[in-house]
N, C-alpha and C. Protein backbone atom coordinates (compact mmCIF):
# COMPACT_ATOMS: atom_id res chain seq x y z
N MET A 1 -4.75 35.17 196.63
CA MET A 1 -4.44 36.19 195.72
C MET A 1 -3.13 36.25 196.65
N PHE A 2 -3.09 35.82 198.18
CA PHE A 2 -1.91 36.73 198.45
C PHE A 2 -0.49 36.04 197.78
N LEU A 3 -0.66 34.15 197.42
CA LEU A 3 0.38 34.08 197.30
C LEU A 3 0.84 34.83 195.45
N ARG A 4 0.11 34.42 194.95
CA ARG A 4 -0.22 35.04 193.60
C ARG A 4 1.27 36.32 193.53
N ILE A 5 0.84 37.46 194.61
CA ILE A 5 1.05 38.99 194.50
C ILE A 5 2.40 38.36 195.41
N THR A 6 2.88 37.31 196.03
CA THR A 6 4.25 37.27 196.31
C THR A 6 5.01 36.63 195.91
N ALA A 7 4.15 35.25 195.26
CA ALA A 7 5.52 35.11 193.95
C ALA A 7 5.71 36.29 192.42
N PHE A 8 4.74 37.05 192.56
CA PHE A 8 5.21 38.03 191.51
C PHE A 8 6.36 39.51 192.31
N ALA A 9 6.30 39.32 193.11
CA ALA A 9 7.02 39.75 194.07
C ALA A 9 8.24 39.70 194.26
N GLY A 10 8.88 38.22 194.49
CA GLY A 10 9.74 37.26 194.38
C GLY A 10 10.76 37.50 192.95
N ALA A 11 9.65 37.01 192.47
CA ALA A 11 10.25 37.16 190.50
C ALA A 11 10.66 39.03 190.48
N LEU A 12 9.87 39.61 190.36
CA LEU A 12 10.15 41.35 190.13
C LEU A 12 11.53 41.39 191.09
N ARG A 13 11.59 40.88 192.22
CA ARG A 13 12.72 41.15 192.76
C ARG A 13 14.22 40.56 192.51
N CYS A 14 14.09 39.22 191.97
CA CYS A 14 15.09 38.78 191.06
C CYS A 14 15.07 39.86 189.98
N LEU A 15 14.32 40.44 189.24
CA LEU A 15 14.65 40.81 187.86
C LEU A 15 15.20 41.81 188.21
N LEU A 16 15.21 42.40 190.05
CA LEU A 16 15.47 43.82 189.81
C LEU A 16 17.21 44.01 190.25
N LEU A 17 17.30 42.58 190.69
CA LEU A 17 18.16 42.55 191.50
C LEU A 17 19.16 41.92 190.25
N LEU A 18 19.28 41.67 188.41
CA LEU A 18 20.28 41.23 188.07
C LEU A 18 20.68 42.56 187.32
N PRO A 19 20.66 43.53 186.91
CA PRO A 19 21.54 44.96 186.98
C PRO A 19 23.32 44.53 188.35
N ALA A 20 22.58 44.60 189.29
CA ALA A 20 23.41 45.28 190.33
C ALA A 20 24.57 43.88 190.33
N ARG A 21 23.86 42.32 189.75
CA ARG A 21 25.22 41.56 189.56
C ARG A 21 26.75 41.50 188.63
N ALA A 22 26.15 43.40 187.83
CA ALA A 22 27.33 43.22 186.75
C ALA A 22 28.29 42.80 187.18
N GLU A 23 29.87 42.25 186.61
CA GLU A 23 31.25 41.96 186.95
C GLU A 23 31.68 42.64 185.80
N ILE A 24 32.23 43.63 186.95
CA ILE A 24 33.89 44.94 186.14
C ILE A 24 34.85 43.27 185.75
N VAL A 25 35.28 43.08 184.45
CA VAL A 25 36.01 42.37 184.29
C VAL A 25 38.03 42.48 183.24
N SER A 26 38.77 42.73 183.70
CA SER A 26 39.90 42.48 182.85
C SER A 26 39.40 42.95 181.18
N HIS A 27 40.74 44.07 181.28
CA HIS A 27 40.97 44.36 179.68
C HIS A 27 40.86 43.69 178.76
N PRO A 28 40.63 42.91 177.95
CA PRO A 28 41.05 42.14 176.84
C PRO A 28 42.16 42.17 176.41
N SER A 29 43.20 40.72 176.57
CA SER A 29 44.03 40.80 175.68
C SER A 29 44.32 41.20 174.48
N GLY A 30 45.85 42.20 174.47
CA GLY A 30 46.12 42.65 173.61
C GLY A 30 45.13 43.69 172.58
N CYS A 31 44.25 44.18 173.44
CA CYS A 31 43.08 45.02 172.66
C CYS A 31 43.72 46.61 173.03
N PRO A 32 43.52 47.09 171.89
CA PRO A 32 44.47 49.06 172.40
C PRO A 32 42.92 49.74 173.85
N THR A 33 43.34 50.40 173.97
CA THR A 33 42.81 50.76 175.35
C THR A 33 41.43 52.39 174.88
N ARG A 34 41.74 51.73 173.62
CA ARG A 34 40.45 52.59 173.64
C ARG A 34 39.43 51.99 172.44
N ALA A 35 38.07 52.53 172.05
CA ALA A 35 37.19 51.95 171.14
C ALA A 35 37.39 50.39 170.56
N PHE A 36 37.69 49.65 171.75
CA PHE A 36 37.85 47.91 171.84
C PHE A 36 36.71 47.27 171.84
N CYS A 37 35.57 47.99 171.78
CA CYS A 37 34.67 46.84 171.75
C CYS A 37 34.84 45.49 170.77
N GLY A 38 34.59 45.89 169.43
CA GLY A 38 35.14 44.89 168.55
C GLY A 38 36.01 44.17 168.98
N CYS A 39 37.66 43.99 169.19
CA CYS A 39 38.45 43.32 169.73
C CYS A 39 37.87 42.44 170.72
N GLY A 40 37.92 43.19 172.05
CA GLY A 40 37.40 42.33 172.77
C GLY A 40 36.22 41.56 172.54
N ALA A 41 35.56 41.00 171.98
CA ALA A 41 34.13 40.97 171.53
C ALA A 41 35.00 39.45 170.23
N ALA A 42 36.59 39.68 169.92
CA ALA A 42 36.47 39.32 169.20
C ALA A 42 38.00 37.64 170.33
N VAL A 43 38.30 38.46 170.96
CA VAL A 43 38.44 37.79 171.80
C VAL A 43 37.54 37.16 172.54
N ARG A 44 36.84 37.40 173.10
CA ARG A 44 35.88 36.64 173.72
C ARG A 44 35.55 35.39 172.47
N VAL A 45 35.50 35.23 171.70
CA VAL A 45 34.78 34.60 170.65
C VAL A 45 35.79 33.33 169.92
N PHE A 46 37.19 34.24 169.38
CA PHE A 46 37.64 33.25 168.97
C PHE A 46 39.20 33.50 169.74
N GLY A 47 38.86 33.82 171.10
CA GLY A 47 40.21 33.77 171.60
C GLY A 47 41.42 34.44 171.78
N ARG A 48 40.68 35.70 170.44
CA ARG A 48 42.85 36.26 170.47
C ARG A 48 41.95 37.03 169.50
N PRO A 49 42.76 37.98 169.91
CA PRO A 49 42.27 39.18 169.01
C PRO A 49 42.16 39.62 167.04
N VAL A 50 41.22 39.54 166.54
CA VAL A 50 41.19 39.80 165.08
C VAL A 50 41.53 40.53 164.67
N ARG A 51 42.40 41.75 163.71
CA ARG A 51 42.41 42.97 163.67
C ARG A 51 41.42 43.24 163.29
N ASP A 52 40.57 42.80 161.60
CA ASP A 52 39.69 42.73 160.63
C ASP A 52 38.40 43.45 161.80
N LEU A 53 38.32 42.36 162.93
CA LEU A 53 36.86 43.03 163.54
C LEU A 53 37.21 44.21 164.42
N TRP A 54 38.58 44.72 164.55
CA TRP A 54 38.57 46.08 165.39
C TRP A 54 37.34 47.18 165.31
N LEU A 55 36.23 47.11 164.36
CA LEU A 55 35.79 48.22 163.76
C LEU A 55 34.35 47.10 163.98
N ALA A 56 33.34 47.78 165.05
CA ALA A 56 32.24 47.41 165.14
C ALA A 56 31.02 46.63 163.57
N ARG A 57 31.56 47.97 162.57
CA ARG A 57 31.00 47.23 161.63
C ARG A 57 31.18 45.92 160.78
N ASN A 58 32.75 46.12 160.74
CA ASN A 58 32.83 44.56 160.18
C ASN A 58 32.39 43.29 160.61
N TRP A 59 31.59 43.35 161.89
CA TRP A 59 31.21 42.50 162.16
C TRP A 59 29.89 42.17 161.26
N TYR A 60 29.41 43.00 160.60
CA TYR A 60 27.92 43.00 159.59
C TYR A 60 28.06 41.29 158.98
N ARG A 61 29.80 41.69 158.41
CA ARG A 61 30.13 40.81 157.44
C ARG A 61 29.46 38.83 157.96
N PHE A 62 28.77 38.63 158.77
CA PHE A 62 29.21 37.83 159.83
C PHE A 62 27.73 37.54 158.80
N PRO A 63 26.85 36.05 159.04
CA PRO A 63 25.50 35.58 158.86
C PRO A 63 24.76 36.11 159.47
N ARG A 64 23.19 36.79 159.64
CA ARG A 64 22.16 36.64 160.77
C ARG A 64 21.93 35.96 161.36
N SER A 65 21.42 36.03 162.59
CA SER A 65 20.94 34.64 163.06
C SER A 65 20.25 35.05 164.04
N VAL A 66 19.66 33.89 164.87
CA VAL A 66 18.65 34.38 165.93
C VAL A 66 19.44 34.23 167.23
N PRO A 67 19.11 35.17 167.79
CA PRO A 67 19.96 35.87 169.43
C PRO A 67 20.00 34.44 170.78
N ALA A 68 20.84 34.11 170.40
CA ALA A 68 22.27 32.83 171.32
C ALA A 68 22.88 32.71 171.93
N PRO A 69 23.54 31.76 172.42
CA PRO A 69 24.77 32.29 173.02
C PRO A 69 25.44 31.66 172.41
N GLY A 70 26.99 32.99 171.83
CA GLY A 70 28.01 32.84 171.88
C GLY A 70 27.72 33.32 170.10
N MET A 71 26.54 34.13 170.06
CA MET A 71 26.59 35.09 168.88
C MET A 71 26.35 36.66 168.91
N VAL A 72 26.52 37.37 168.53
CA VAL A 72 27.64 38.69 168.75
C VAL A 72 25.84 39.73 168.26
N ALA A 73 25.60 41.12 169.22
CA ALA A 73 25.13 41.78 168.93
C ALA A 73 25.70 43.19 168.11
N VAL A 74 25.10 43.82 167.08
CA VAL A 74 25.82 44.35 166.20
C VAL A 74 25.11 45.86 166.06
N ARG A 75 25.59 46.79 166.33
CA ARG A 75 25.04 48.11 165.55
C ARG A 75 26.09 49.34 165.36
N ARG A 76 25.57 49.90 164.97
CA ARG A 76 26.37 50.81 164.85
C ARG A 76 27.83 51.44 166.14
N HIS A 77 29.07 51.52 166.34
CA HIS A 77 29.72 51.47 166.92
C HIS A 77 30.30 50.44 167.69
N HIS A 78 29.38 50.18 167.94
CA HIS A 78 29.15 48.79 168.96
C HIS A 78 29.10 47.58 169.08
N VAL A 79 29.77 46.29 169.68
CA VAL A 79 29.13 45.19 169.57
C VAL A 79 29.15 44.62 170.88
N PHE A 80 28.64 42.80 171.16
CA PHE A 80 28.91 42.70 172.03
C PHE A 80 28.44 41.64 172.11
N VAL A 81 28.92 40.58 172.81
CA VAL A 81 28.59 38.58 172.82
C VAL A 81 27.72 38.35 173.65
N LEU A 82 26.36 37.89 173.66
CA LEU A 82 25.56 37.27 174.43
C LEU A 82 26.03 36.09 174.79
N GLU A 83 26.41 35.58 176.38
CA GLU A 83 26.31 34.71 176.57
C GLU A 83 24.93 33.87 177.28
N HIS A 84 24.24 34.24 177.67
CA HIS A 84 22.81 33.98 178.08
C HIS A 84 21.39 34.37 178.61
N HIS A 85 20.55 33.91 177.62
CA HIS A 85 19.66 34.95 178.07
C HIS A 85 18.96 35.09 179.39
N ILE A 86 17.85 36.26 179.91
CA ILE A 86 17.97 36.49 181.39
C ILE A 86 15.86 36.28 180.69
N SER A 87 15.27 37.15 179.93
CA SER A 87 14.90 37.58 180.05
C SER A 87 14.31 38.32 178.72
N GLY A 88 12.74 37.90 177.73
CA GLY A 88 12.33 38.82 177.18
C GLY A 88 13.88 38.70 175.46
N SER A 89 14.17 40.97 176.17
CA SER A 89 15.12 40.85 174.68
C SER A 89 16.40 41.29 176.12
N THR A 90 16.40 40.70 176.64
CA THR A 90 17.47 41.34 178.00
C THR A 90 18.77 39.52 178.20
N TRP A 91 19.86 39.97 177.45
CA TRP A 91 20.59 39.01 177.75
C TRP A 91 21.68 39.38 178.77
N MET A 92 22.48 38.53 179.38
CA MET A 92 23.31 38.82 179.93
C MET A 92 24.77 38.94 179.06
N ALA A 93 25.55 39.66 178.89
CA ALA A 93 26.46 40.11 177.81
C ALA A 93 27.89 40.11 178.02
N TYR A 94 28.52 40.48 177.44
CA TYR A 94 30.45 39.81 177.87
C TYR A 94 30.46 41.62 176.85
N ASP A 95 30.51 42.47 177.48
CA ASP A 95 30.36 44.02 176.79
C ASP A 95 31.68 44.87 176.96
N ALA A 96 32.43 44.52 176.25
CA ALA A 96 33.72 44.72 176.29
C ALA A 96 33.70 47.27 175.93
N ASN A 97 34.61 47.62 176.22
CA ASN A 97 34.28 49.04 176.43
C ASN A 97 32.66 49.16 176.17
N SER A 98 32.01 48.52 177.20
CA SER A 98 30.27 49.28 177.45
C SER A 98 30.84 50.74 178.25
N GLY A 99 31.42 51.52 178.86
CA GLY A 99 31.26 52.85 179.45
C GLY A 99 32.59 52.78 180.36
N GLY A 100 33.06 54.30 180.58
CA GLY A 100 34.65 54.27 181.18
C GLY A 100 35.40 53.89 180.79
N ARG A 101 35.35 52.80 179.42
CA ARG A 101 36.42 52.00 179.05
C ARG A 101 37.19 50.97 180.02
N ARG A 102 35.80 49.86 180.17
CA ARG A 102 35.44 48.93 181.16
C ARG A 102 34.68 48.40 180.59
N THR A 103 35.34 46.87 180.90
CA THR A 103 34.81 45.37 180.35
C THR A 103 33.69 44.97 181.12
N ARG A 104 32.57 44.69 180.81
CA ARG A 104 31.76 43.87 182.02
C ARG A 104 31.12 42.70 181.43
N ILE A 105 30.11 42.12 182.26
CA ILE A 105 30.09 41.00 182.02
C ILE A 105 28.62 41.24 182.79
N HIS A 106 27.52 41.85 181.91
CA HIS A 106 26.05 42.38 182.56
C HIS A 106 24.78 42.16 181.39
N ALA A 107 23.55 42.47 182.09
CA ALA A 107 22.31 42.85 181.57
C ALA A 107 22.94 43.75 180.79
N ARG A 108 22.20 43.30 179.49
CA ARG A 108 21.83 44.71 178.18
C ARG A 108 20.44 44.09 177.28
N SER A 109 19.75 45.19 177.35
CA SER A 109 18.82 44.59 176.20
C SER A 109 19.84 44.29 174.73
N ILE A 110 18.65 43.65 173.82
CA ILE A 110 19.31 43.26 172.43
C ILE A 110 18.37 44.40 171.48
N ALA A 111 17.72 45.06 171.81
CA ALA A 111 17.21 45.58 170.83
C ALA A 111 17.51 46.96 170.48
N GLY A 112 17.33 47.09 169.01
CA GLY A 112 18.26 48.21 168.15
C GLY A 112 19.47 47.47 167.61
N PHE A 113 19.92 45.51 168.05
CA PHE A 113 21.09 45.27 167.40
C PHE A 113 20.77 43.90 166.60
N ALA A 114 21.19 44.16 165.57
CA ALA A 114 20.95 42.72 164.21
C ALA A 114 22.25 41.51 165.59
N ILE A 115 21.79 40.62 164.74
CA ILE A 115 22.50 39.19 165.42
C ILE A 115 23.01 38.78 165.22
N VAL A 116 24.51 38.55 164.44
CA VAL A 116 25.43 37.77 164.01
C VAL A 116 25.67 36.49 164.25
N ASN A 117 26.53 35.86 163.60
CA ASN A 117 26.70 34.80 163.92
C ASN A 117 28.00 34.42 163.77
N PRO A 118 29.83 34.70 164.52
CA PRO A 118 30.38 34.39 164.18
C PRO A 118 31.56 32.99 164.23
N HIS A 119 30.10 32.68 164.22
CA HIS A 119 31.11 30.76 163.11
C HIS A 119 30.59 30.13 162.67
N GLY A 120 29.43 31.07 161.90
CA GLY A 120 28.79 30.62 160.25
C GLY A 120 29.88 31.28 159.13
N SER A 121 31.13 31.70 159.77
CA SER A 121 31.84 31.99 158.08
C SER A 121 32.95 32.21 158.83
N ARG A 122 34.09 31.24 158.16
CA ARG A 122 35.45 31.24 158.19
C ARG A 122 36.45 32.04 157.60
N TRP A 123 35.67 33.50 157.81
CA TRP A 123 35.82 34.90 157.60
C TRP A 123 37.34 34.89 158.57
N ALA A 124 36.67 35.08 159.28
CA ALA A 124 37.77 35.50 160.72
C ALA A 124 38.51 35.12 160.85
N ASN A 125 38.48 33.69 160.65
CA ASN A 125 39.37 32.59 161.04
C ASN A 125 40.42 32.08 160.22
N ALA A 126 40.78 32.83 159.18
CA ALA A 126 41.94 33.40 158.35
C ALA A 126 43.11 34.28 159.47
N ASP A 127 44.43 34.03 158.83
CA ASP A 127 45.16 34.70 159.69
C ASP A 127 46.05 35.87 158.39
C-alpha cells in the first residue's frame, strides 16, 4: 500500500511540475508585434511567416487530423503547434502570443480546439 501511494505521489509531483517547465522563447522572426499566433505557428511549421496564415481562422483550411507532433490546434482567434504529448488532452506546445505578447513552449490543453494537419495540403507552401 505504501509503495502505491509513493509511486502515485511521485507521478503527481511530476505532473504538477510540468507547468513550471514553461519556457519563454524569442519572438518569431518576421511576425508583427500584436496578434501574431498564426504567424508564429507558420514560422514554426514552415520556417517562414506565411501572410495568409496570420489569421487563426485561415488554419481551418487544412484537413482535420488527430493530435500528433507537428499538428496545429485551432480555435477562434488562436492557434498553437503541438510539440509532444504529455497526458490526456495536455500537450507541450509552441504557443506564439500566449499572453502578454510572449511566445512560450508550455503545457496546454487541446480541449475545445480543432486539430489540423498543415502538411496535408500544399496550400500554405504556395508563394
